[in-house]
Amino acid sequence: MSNIVAIVGRPNVGKSTLFNRLVGIRQAIVNEESGVTRDRNYGKSEWNGKEFSVIDTGGYVSNSDDIFEEEINKQVILAMEEADVVLFMVDVETGLTDLDENFARLLRNIRKPVYLVANKVDTSERMYETGEFYRMGIKSDLFGISSANGFGTGELLDAIVSHFREDTVENTEHLPRITIVGRPNVGKSSTINALIGEERNIVTEIAGTTRDSLHTHYTQFGHDFLLVDTAGLRKKAKVNEDVEFYSVMRSVRAIEESDVCMLLLDATRGIEAQDLNIFHLIEKNRKGVVIVVNKWDLVEKDNKTAIVFEKAIREKIAPFQDVDIVFASALTKQRLLKALELTIEVYHRRTQKLKTSELNRVMLEAIENYSPPMTKGKVVKIKYVTQLPTHAPSFAFYCNLPQYVRETYKRYLENKIRENWNFTGVPIQLFMRKK
């Protein structure tokens, strides 16, 4: 991907606030607690007709023994290597610190445009205070800005886009969105890292490592879609931190904005109540779904283990059981590509449009073979069926008494649709309408 800007610096200087201003939405989590941003977070921005991607990074801390800070530092280095322009952010309110000076040493060896950005310049007096940052010896222009109110960001953006050409922008607006969801610590980030072949997302043994919803443009093996990693969804009673609450909300929003969800289960724990809650959330939003049982390499198996496991899953997700189930391992990469291919197939099934003539020929015959049961002495007659022009598959059945069609008969109609057309992994909606 070209035209990339990376925002880097020590913790708590306002990187995520600037990121949100540049992309125009509150995508990155902002909190006064340091270390909130952990993975590289991507967004799109536009200035003077030129589009570019923005990477928000965690705060860089040198000589730290903390497991998260060590991983964050790796992500910061990766972001700088990936970017075309680097914004080194400092805080004029706090002033020059040892962490700033240590980070500046890293930037001296980078052969790409680097801009020194002094944040929290809310008054004209503070603009004069930005001069002390020249002591770090970085040969670049210095911009005094306020990421909170937007002061000075126009001049900064002019400098940034001067390095970009308009014809190098990737268009990912209409690409399929594949979202990986699940409880905390089931291996969502590990799965994405295994699929793309690099340490894109931070992976630790600690649940809740991923906090933002992270987007990756996947173009390998002939595929072209957006792959989204999310924070683990846990029960509301266990969501204590404000930051984790926002993370859960981002994950829910990621499901709402997705086309297909890859629901990861932990093979060592089986399908639990929270897995079912996530599954029903996907179903409620009418998104495509593939169930991937991760960590399958850790399970002791015989020739019936997978059959028993799959039967238990289908019993619990009933009545919507028409779902692909894949037993995989992010660690060994076992069946990951199969899971990915099935996910793409689900996307195509979800977007298929059935011919009205063929739909009526099949379904009216099924209705004639088994008519709607009488209710209160009333006979229901269904005369016509059509697929509605919605994003998710929806079908309207036109009849004389739609209020008397029972849920059990609607399930019969849905099953007949699934028998004749492949909608595996795709929730279907049926509407009874007055003819």
Protein backbone atom coordinates (compact mmCIF):
# COMPACT_ATOMS: atom_id res chain seq x y z
CA MET A 1 0.00 0.00 0.00
CA SER A 2 1.38 3.41 -0.91
CA ASN A 3 0.70 6.91 0.41
CA ILE A 4 1.05 6.02 4.08
CA VAL A 5 1.60 8.36 7.04
CA ALA A 6 2.73 6.95 10.40
CA ILE A 7 2.17 8.87 13.65
CA VAL A 8 4.86 7.93 16.19
CA GLY A 9 6.23 9.15 19.53
CA ARG A 10 6.31 8.40 23.24
CA PRO A 11 3.10 7.53 25.14
CA ASN A 12 0.34 10.07 25.81
CA VAL A 13 1.36 12.90 23.45
CA GLY A 14 -1.95 12.87 21.51
CA LYS A 15 -1.20 10.53 18.60
CA SER A 16 -4.64 8.89 18.60
CA THR A 17 -6.37 12.28 18.84
CA LEU A 18 -4.51 13.46 15.74
CA PHE A 19 -5.29 10.15 14.02
CA ASN A 20 -9.02 10.60 14.69
CA ARG A 21 -8.90 14.16 13.35
CA LEU A 22 -7.11 13.11 10.16
CA VAL A 23 -9.46 10.21 9.38
CA GLY A 24 -12.52 12.25 10.36
CA ILE A 25 -14.06 9.74 12.80
CA ARG A 26 -13.42 8.55 16.37
CA GLN A 27 -11.79 5.31 15.23
CA ALA A 28 -8.85 5.07 17.62
CA ILE A 29 -9.50 4.88 21.36
CA VAL A 30 -8.40 8.01 23.24
CA ASN A 31 -7.81 7.94 27.00
CA GLU A 32 -5.52 9.77 29.42
CA GLU A 33 -4.07 6.41 30.52
CA SER A 34 -0.81 5.72 28.66
CA GLY A 35 -0.47 2.54 26.61
CA VAL A 36 -4.08 2.52 25.39
CA THR A 37 -3.14 2.11 21.72
CA ARG A 38 -1.27 -1.16 21.26
CA ASP A 39 -1.51 -2.33 17.64
CA ARG A 40 -1.03 -0.33 14.49
CA ASN A 41 -4.43 1.20 13.70
CA TYR A 42 -5.20 2.15 10.09
CA GLY A 43 -7.52 4.78 8.65
CA LYS A 44 -8.10 6.72 5.42
CA SER A 45 -7.74 10.46 4.97
CA GLU A 46 -7.95 12.96 2.11
CA TRP A 47 -6.48 16.42 1.57
CA ASN A 48 -6.44 18.58 -1.57
CA GLY A 49 -7.77 15.70 -3.67
CA LYS A 50 -5.10 13.25 -2.53
CA GLU A 51 -6.03 10.20 -0.45
CA PHE A 52 -3.64 8.52 1.94
CA SER A 53 -3.63 5.99 4.77
CA VAL A 54 -2.81 6.98 8.36
CA ILE A 55 -1.25 4.61 10.90
CA ASP A 56 -1.73 5.26 14.60
CA THR A 57 0.86 3.53 16.79
CA GLY A 58 1.36 2.84 20.47
CA GLY A 59 3.71 4.97 22.53
CA TYR A 60 7.38 4.00 22.20
CA VAL A 61 9.17 3.35 25.51
CA SER A 62 12.88 2.50 25.43
CA ASN A 63 14.56 -0.01 27.80
CA SER A 64 11.27 -1.38 29.18
CA ASP A 65 10.70 -4.86 30.66
CA ASP A 66 6.91 -4.65 30.20
CA ILE A 67 5.65 -7.33 27.75
CA PHE A 68 3.16 -4.96 26.11
CA GLU A 69 5.64 -2.10 25.74
CA GLU A 70 8.17 -4.45 24.14
CA GLU A 71 5.58 -5.56 21.60
CA ILE A 72 4.37 -1.98 21.05
CA ASN A 73 7.95 -0.93 20.23
CA LYS A 74 8.12 -3.63 17.55
CA GLN A 75 4.87 -2.36 16.06
CA VAL A 76 6.19 1.23 16.00
CA ILE A 77 9.31 0.12 14.09
CA LEU A 78 7.14 -1.81 11.61
CA ALA A 79 4.90 1.22 11.10
CA MET A 80 7.86 3.48 10.33
CA GLU A 81 9.24 0.94 7.86
CA GLU A 82 5.84 0.70 6.19
CA ALA A 83 5.18 4.44 5.94
CA ASP A 84 6.11 6.98 3.28
CA VAL A 85 5.97 9.95 5.69
CA VAL A 86 6.63 9.85 9.45
CA LEU A 87 5.11 12.30 11.94
CA PHE A 88 7.20 12.42 15.14
CA MET A 89 4.83 13.77 17.78
CA VAL A 90 5.88 15.54 20.99
CA ASP A 91 3.98 17.37 23.72
CA VAL A 92 4.73 21.07 24.23
CA GLU A 93 2.78 21.03 27.52
CA THR A 94 5.17 18.47 29.08
CA GLY A 95 8.20 19.68 27.17
CA LEU A 96 11.24 17.73 25.97
CA THR A 97 11.76 14.40 27.79
CA ASP A 98 14.39 11.65 27.80
CA LEU A 99 11.91 9.38 25.96
CA ASP A 100 11.63 11.98 23.17
CA GLU A 101 15.41 12.20 22.83
CA ASN A 102 15.82 8.40 22.81
CA PHE A 103 13.18 8.07 20.11
CA ALA A 104 14.82 10.84 18.06
CA ARG A 105 17.95 8.68 17.77
CA LEU A 106 15.88 6.06 15.90
CA LEU A 107 14.63 8.64 13.43
CA ARG A 108 18.07 9.96 12.46
CA ASN A 109 18.72 6.82 10.37
CA ILE A 110 15.40 6.90 8.50
CA ARG A 111 15.72 7.97 4.86
CA LYS A 112 12.19 9.24 4.33
CA PRO A 113 10.36 12.50 5.12
CA VAL A 114 10.06 13.07 8.89
CA TYR A 115 8.06 15.95 10.35
CA LEU A 116 8.37 17.05 13.97
CA VAL A 117 4.87 17.76 15.30
CA ALA A 118 4.55 19.62 18.60
CA ASN A 119 1.07 18.96 19.98
CA LYS A 120 -1.11 20.91 22.44
CA VAL A 121 -0.14 24.31 21.01
CA ASP A 122 -3.41 25.90 22.12
CA THR A 123 -2.08 29.47 22.59
CA SER A 124 0.34 31.74 20.76
CA GLU A 125 2.65 31.66 23.79
CA ARG A 126 3.04 27.93 23.45
CA MET A 127 4.19 28.30 19.86
CA TYR A 128 7.37 29.96 21.19
CA GLU A 129 7.93 27.01 23.53
CA THR A 130 8.21 24.56 20.62
CA GLY A 131 11.76 25.75 19.88
CA GLU A 132 13.27 23.51 22.56
CA PHE A 133 12.49 20.42 20.45
CA TYR A 134 15.13 21.47 17.89
CA ARG A 135 17.67 20.34 20.51
CA MET A 136 16.98 16.72 19.44
CA GLY A 137 18.89 17.38 16.22
CA ILE A 138 16.17 16.23 13.80
CA LYS A 139 16.61 17.97 10.46
CA SER A 140 12.97 18.54 9.59
CA ASP A 141 10.28 21.20 9.64
CA LEU A 142 8.54 21.69 12.97
CA PHE A 143 4.76 22.13 13.08
CA GLY A 144 2.96 23.44 16.16
CA ILE A 145 -0.56 22.03 16.24
CA SER A 146 -3.47 21.21 18.51
CA SER A 147 -4.89 17.83 17.57
CA ALA A 148 -7.84 18.48 19.90
CA ASN A 149 -9.16 21.59 18.09
CA GLY A 150 -7.39 21.28 14.72
CA PHE A 151 -5.12 24.34 14.99
CA GLY A 152 -2.18 24.09 12.56
CA THR A 153 -3.23 20.79 10.98
CA GLY A 154 -3.90 22.42 7.59
CA GLU A 155 -0.26 23.45 7.12
CA LEU A 156 0.86 20.00 8.30
CA LEU A 157 -1.42 18.28 5.77
CA ASP A 158 -0.12 20.52 2.95
CA ALA A 159 3.40 19.31 3.74
CA ILE A 160 2.34 15.67 3.97
CA VAL A 161 0.48 15.44 0.64
CA SER A 162 3.31 17.21 -1.19
CA HIS A 163 5.07 13.81 -1.17
CA PHE A 164 2.13 11.90 -2.73
CA ARG A 165 0.89 11.37 -6.26
CA GLU A 166 -2.83 11.08 -6.93
CA ASP A 167 -2.50 7.92 -9.04
CA THR A 168 -1.03 5.71 -6.30
CA VAL A 169 -4.11 5.38 -4.10
CA GLU A 170 -5.75 2.02 -3.44
CA ASN A 171 -9.53 1.96 -3.43
CA THR A 172 -10.77 -0.34 -0.66
CA GLU A 173 -14.20 1.23 -0.12
CA HIS A 174 -16.16 -1.49 -1.94
CA LEU A 175 -14.04 -4.50 -1.00
CA PRO A 176 -15.63 -7.35 0.97
CA ARG A 177 -15.12 -6.92 4.71
CA ILE A 178 -14.19 -10.14 6.52
CA THR A 179 -14.23 -9.69 10.31
CA ILE A 180 -12.60 -12.14 12.72
CA VAL A 181 -14.53 -12.26 16.01
CA GLY A 182 -14.60 -14.34 19.18
CA ARG A 183 -14.04 -14.35 22.91
CA PRO A 184 -10.75 -12.96 24.27
CA ASN A 185 -7.64 -15.03 23.65
CA VAL A 186 -9.05 -17.52 21.11
CA GLY A 187 -6.34 -16.62 18.58
CA LYS A 188 -7.87 -13.90 16.40
CA SER A 189 -4.67 -11.87 15.97
CA SER A 190 -2.59 -15.04 15.54
CA THR A 191 -4.94 -16.14 12.76
CA ILE A 192 -4.51 -12.87 10.88
CA ASN A 193 -0.72 -12.94 11.35
CA ALA A 194 -0.65 -16.52 10.00
CA LEU A 195 -2.78 -15.59 6.98
CA ILE A 196 -0.78 -12.55 5.93
CA GLY A 197 2.62 -13.97 6.86
CA GLU A 198 3.82 -11.13 9.11
CA GLU A 199 3.47 -9.89 12.69
CA ARG A 200 0.72 -7.43 11.82
CA ASN A 201 -1.03 -7.59 15.20
CA ILE A 202 0.34 -7.96 18.72
CA VAL A 203 -0.07 -11.46 20.19
CA THR A 204 0.42 -12.27 23.90
CA GLU A 205 -1.00 -14.83 26.32
CA ILE A 206 -2.94 -12.05 28.07
CA ALA A 207 -6.61 -11.77 27.14
CA GLY A 208 -7.64 -8.36 25.86
CA THR A 209 -4.38 -7.50 24.08
CA THR A 210 -6.21 -6.24 20.98
CA ARG A 211 -8.31 -3.17 21.73
CA ASP A 212 -8.99 -1.41 18.41
CA SER A 213 -10.61 -2.99 15.35
CA LEU A 214 -7.72 -3.34 12.90
CA HIS A 215 -8.04 -3.45 9.11
CA THR A 216 -5.67 -5.28 6.75
CA HIS A 217 -5.97 -5.24 2.95
CA TYR A 218 -5.56 -8.93 1.98
CA THR A 219 -4.44 -9.59 -1.61
CA GLN A 220 -2.78 -13.02 -1.42
CA PHE A 221 -3.74 -16.23 -3.29
CA GLY A 222 -5.92 -14.30 -5.75
CA HIS A 223 -8.11 -12.79 -3.03
CA ASP A 224 -8.90 -9.10 -2.57
CA PHE A 225 -10.74 -8.04 0.59
CA LEU A 226 -10.41 -6.25 3.94
CA LEU A 227 -9.53 -8.48 6.90
CA VAL A 228 -10.61 -7.02 10.26
CA ASP A 229 -9.26 -8.11 13.65
CA THR A 230 -11.37 -7.19 16.68
CA ALA A 231 -11.09 -7.09 20.45
CA GLY A 232 -12.44 -10.16 22.24
CA LEU A 233 -16.10 -9.90 23.20
CA ARG A 234 -16.72 -10.90 26.81
CA LYS A 235 -19.73 -10.73 29.12
CA LYS A 236 -20.82 -7.24 30.18
CA ALA A 237 -20.27 -8.12 33.85
CA LYS A 238 -16.57 -8.70 33.09
CA VAL A 239 -16.03 -5.42 31.24
CA ASN A 240 -14.57 -3.18 33.93
CA GLU A 241 -12.13 -0.77 32.27
CA ASP A 242 -13.44 2.19 30.27
CA VAL A 243 -10.91 1.31 27.57
CA GLU A 244 -12.15 -2.28 27.33
CA PHE A 245 -15.75 -1.04 27.14
CA TYR A 246 -14.85 1.09 24.10
CA SER A 247 -13.00 -1.91 22.61
CA VAL A 248 -16.11 -4.07 22.89
CA MET A 249 -18.18 -1.34 21.26
CA ARG A 250 -15.66 -1.18 18.39
CA SER A 251 -15.96 -4.95 17.97
CA VAL A 252 -19.76 -4.76 17.85
CA ARG A 253 -19.53 -1.96 15.31
CA ALA A 254 -17.04 -4.02 13.27
CA ILE A 255 -19.61 -6.86 13.11
CA GLU A 256 -22.31 -4.42 12.03
CA GLU A 257 -20.11 -3.05 9.23
CA SER A 258 -18.84 -6.45 8.02
CA ASP A 259 -20.05 -8.70 5.20
CA VAL A 260 -18.91 -12.03 6.65
CA CYS A 261 -17.68 -12.92 10.14
CA MET A 262 -15.18 -15.66 10.90
CA LEU A 263 -16.22 -16.77 14.41
CA LEU A 264 -13.27 -18.35 16.25
CA LEU A 265 -13.85 -20.92 18.99
CA ASP A 266 -11.24 -22.37 21.35
CA ALA A 267 -11.01 -26.13 20.75
CA THR A 268 -9.67 -26.68 24.27
CA ARG A 269 -12.79 -25.11 25.83
CA GLY A 270 -15.56 -25.98 23.36
CA ILE A 271 -18.50 -23.71 22.54
CA GLU A 272 -19.49 -21.59 25.55
CA ALA A 273 -22.30 -19.17 26.36
CA GLN A 274 -20.35 -16.12 25.17
CA ASP A 275 -19.57 -17.84 21.85
CA LEU A 276 -23.31 -18.31 21.36
CA ASN A 277 -23.96 -14.65 22.22
CA ILE A 278 -21.51 -13.58 19.50
CA PHE A 279 -23.01 -16.05 17.02
CA HIS A 280 -26.52 -14.71 17.66
CA LEU A 281 -25.21 -11.13 17.37
CA ILE A 282 -23.87 -12.00 13.89
CA GLU A 283 -27.16 -13.69 13.00
CA LYS A 284 -29.18 -10.73 14.31
CA ASN A 285 -27.20 -8.38 12.09
CA ARG A 286 -27.76 -10.80 9.16
CA LYS A 287 -24.05 -11.19 8.40
CA GLY A 288 -22.48 -14.23 6.81
CA VAL A 289 -20.65 -16.55 9.20
CA VAL A 290 -18.09 -19.36 9.18
CA ILE A 291 -17.25 -21.10 12.46
CA VAL A 292 -13.54 -21.85 12.88
CA VAL A 293 -12.52 -24.12 15.76
CA ASN A 294 -9.00 -22.84 16.49
CA LYS A 295 -6.22 -24.60 18.48
CA TRP A 296 -7.32 -27.96 17.04
CA ASP A 297 -3.69 -29.11 17.27
CA LEU A 298 -3.96 -29.05 21.09
CA VAL A 299 -6.87 -31.53 21.25
CA GLU A 300 -6.35 -35.26 21.68
CA LYS A 301 -8.28 -36.84 18.82
CA ASP A 302 -9.66 -40.10 17.53
CA ASN A 303 -11.69 -40.77 14.39
CA LYS A 304 -14.91 -39.47 16.01
CA THR A 305 -13.67 -36.35 17.83
CA ALA A 306 -14.49 -33.88 15.03
CA ILE A 307 -17.93 -35.45 14.46
CA VAL A 308 -18.86 -35.22 18.17
CA PHE A 309 -17.50 -31.65 18.40
CA GLU A 310 -19.42 -30.53 15.29
CA LYS A 311 -22.65 -32.14 16.52
CA ALA A 312 -22.37 -30.29 19.85
CA ILE A 313 -21.87 -26.97 18.04
CA ARG A 314 -24.85 -27.47 15.72
CA GLU A 315 -27.12 -28.44 18.62
CA LYS A 316 -26.28 -25.24 20.47
CA ILE A 317 -26.58 -22.83 17.51
CA ALA A 318 -30.00 -24.22 16.47
CA PRO A 319 -32.25 -23.36 14.69
CA PHE A 320 -29.72 -21.68 12.34
CA GLN A 321 -27.54 -24.73 11.72
CA ASP A 322 -26.70 -24.30 8.03
CA VAL A 323 -23.15 -23.10 8.76
CA ASP A 324 -19.69 -24.29 7.67
CA ILE A 325 -17.50 -25.51 10.56
CA VAL A 326 -13.73 -25.76 10.07
CA PHE A 327 -11.23 -27.30 12.52
CA ALA A 328 -8.02 -25.29 12.21
CA SER A 329 -4.86 -24.09 13.93
CA ALA A 330 -3.33 -20.64 13.64
CA LEU A 331 -0.08 -22.02 15.08
CA THR A 332 0.41 -24.75 12.45
CA LYS A 333 -1.68 -22.96 9.77
CA GLN A 334 -3.75 -26.15 9.42
CA ARG A 335 -6.89 -25.56 7.28
CA LEU A 336 -6.61 -21.76 7.57
CA LEU A 337 -6.75 -21.30 3.81
CA LYS A 338 -9.78 -23.59 3.65
CA ALA A 339 -11.51 -21.40 6.25
CA LEU A 340 -10.61 -18.31 4.23
CA GLU A 341 -11.93 -19.81 0.99
CA LEU A 342 -15.20 -20.82 2.67
CA THR A 343 -15.54 -17.28 4.03
CA ILE A 344 -15.24 -15.85 0.51
CA GLU A 345 -17.80 -18.40 -0.73
CA VAL A 346 -20.20 -17.25 2.00
CA TYR A 347 -19.73 -13.66 0.80
CA HIS A 348 -20.76 -14.68 -2.74
CA ARG A 349 -23.73 -16.68 -1.42
CA ARG A 350 -24.85 -13.66 0.60
CA THR A 351 -24.78 -11.39 -2.45
CA GLN A 352 -26.47 -13.80 -4.93
CA LYS A 353 -29.76 -12.76 -6.54
CA LEU A 354 -32.28 -15.44 -7.49
CA LYS A 355 -34.41 -15.27 -10.63
CA THR A 356 -38.02 -14.49 -9.70
CA SER A 357 -39.42 -17.03 -12.18
CA GLU A 358 -37.24 -19.84 -10.81
CA LEU A 359 -38.02 -18.82 -7.22
CA ASN A 360 -41.77 -18.96 -7.86
CA ARG A 361 -41.59 -22.27 -9.75
CA VAL A 362 -39.82 -24.02 -6.85
CA MET A 363 -41.47 -22.36 -3.87
CA LEU A 364 -45.09 -22.39 -5.12
CA GLU A 365 -44.72 -26.12 -5.74
CA ALA A 366 -43.40 -26.58 -2.18
CA ILE A 367 -46.32 -24.50 -0.84
CA GLU A 368 -48.81 -26.59 -2.86
CA ASN A 369 -47.33 -29.82 -1.42
CA TYR A 370 -47.58 -28.47 2.14
CA SER A 371 -50.01 -25.57 2.56
CA PRO A 372 -49.99 -23.22 5.57
CA PRO A 373 -52.00 -24.69 8.46
CA MET A 374 -55.43 -23.17 9.10
CA THR A 375 -55.57 -20.64 11.92
CA LYS A 376 -58.91 -19.67 13.54
CA GLY A 377 -60.70 -21.32 10.65
CA LYS A 378 -58.90 -19.11 8.12
CA VAL A 379 -57.16 -20.51 5.03
CA VAL A 380 -53.89 -18.81 4.08
CA LYS A 381 -53.10 -18.72 0.37
CA ILE A 382 -49.61 -17.69 -0.82
CA LYS A 383 -49.65 -16.62 -4.46
CA TYR A 384 -46.29 -15.00 -5.21
CA VAL A 385 -42.71 -14.77 -3.88
CA THR A 386 -39.82 -12.45 -4.75
CA GLN A 387 -36.36 -11.59 -3.43
CA LEU A 388 -36.13 -8.09 -2.01
CA PRO A 389 -33.35 -5.67 -3.08
CA THR A 390 -31.57 -5.74 0.30
CA HIS A 391 -27.90 -6.28 1.25
CA ALA A 392 -28.70 -9.55 3.06
CA PRO A 393 -30.99 -12.18 1.43
CA SER A 394 -34.63 -11.32 2.16
CA PHE A 395 -37.75 -12.80 0.54
CA ALA A 396 -41.32 -11.50 0.46
CA PHE A 397 -44.24 -13.96 0.27
CA TYR A 398 -47.47 -12.29 -0.86
CA CYS A 399 -50.62 -13.83 0.63
CA ASN A 400 -54.16 -13.01 1.70
CA LEU A 401 -53.66 -13.31 5.48
CA PRO A 402 -50.00 -12.67 6.38
CA GLN A 403 -50.78 -12.31 10.09
CA TYR A 404 -51.84 -15.97 10.30
CA VAL A 405 -48.60 -17.50 8.98
CA ARG A 406 -46.87 -19.26 11.89
CA GLU A 407 -43.15 -19.23 12.66
CA THR A 408 -42.96 -22.99 12.15
CA TYR A 409 -44.25 -22.59 8.59
CA LYS A 410 -41.76 -19.78 7.94
CA ARG A 411 -38.98 -22.19 8.95
CA TYR A 412 -40.39 -24.73 6.49
CA LEU A 413 -40.20 -22.13 3.71
CA GLU A 414 -36.65 -21.15 4.70
CA ASN A 415 -35.56 -24.79 4.68
CA LYS A 416 -37.01 -25.23 1.17
CA ILE A 417 -35.04 -22.20 -0.03
CA ARG A 418 -31.86 -23.65 1.49
CA GLU A 419 -32.55 -27.07 -0.07
CA ASN A 420 -32.74 -25.59 -3.57
CA TRP A 421 -30.15 -22.79 -3.36
CA ASN A 422 -26.87 -22.65 -1.46
CA PHE A 423 -27.20 -20.18 1.41
CA THR A 424 -24.89 -22.01 3.83
CA GLY A 425 -23.55 -19.55 6.41
CA VAL A 426 -26.04 -16.84 5.41
CA PRO A 427 -29.02 -15.79 7.61
CA ILE A 428 -32.25 -15.43 5.60
CA GLN A 429 -35.21 -13.16 6.37
CA LEU A 430 -38.78 -13.95 5.30
CA PHE A 431 -41.58 -11.37 5.15
CA MET A 432 -45.28 -12.17 4.76
CA ARG A 433 -47.03 -9.37 2.91
CA LYS A 434 -50.60 -8.62 1.93
CA LYS A 435 -51.03 -9.35 -1.77
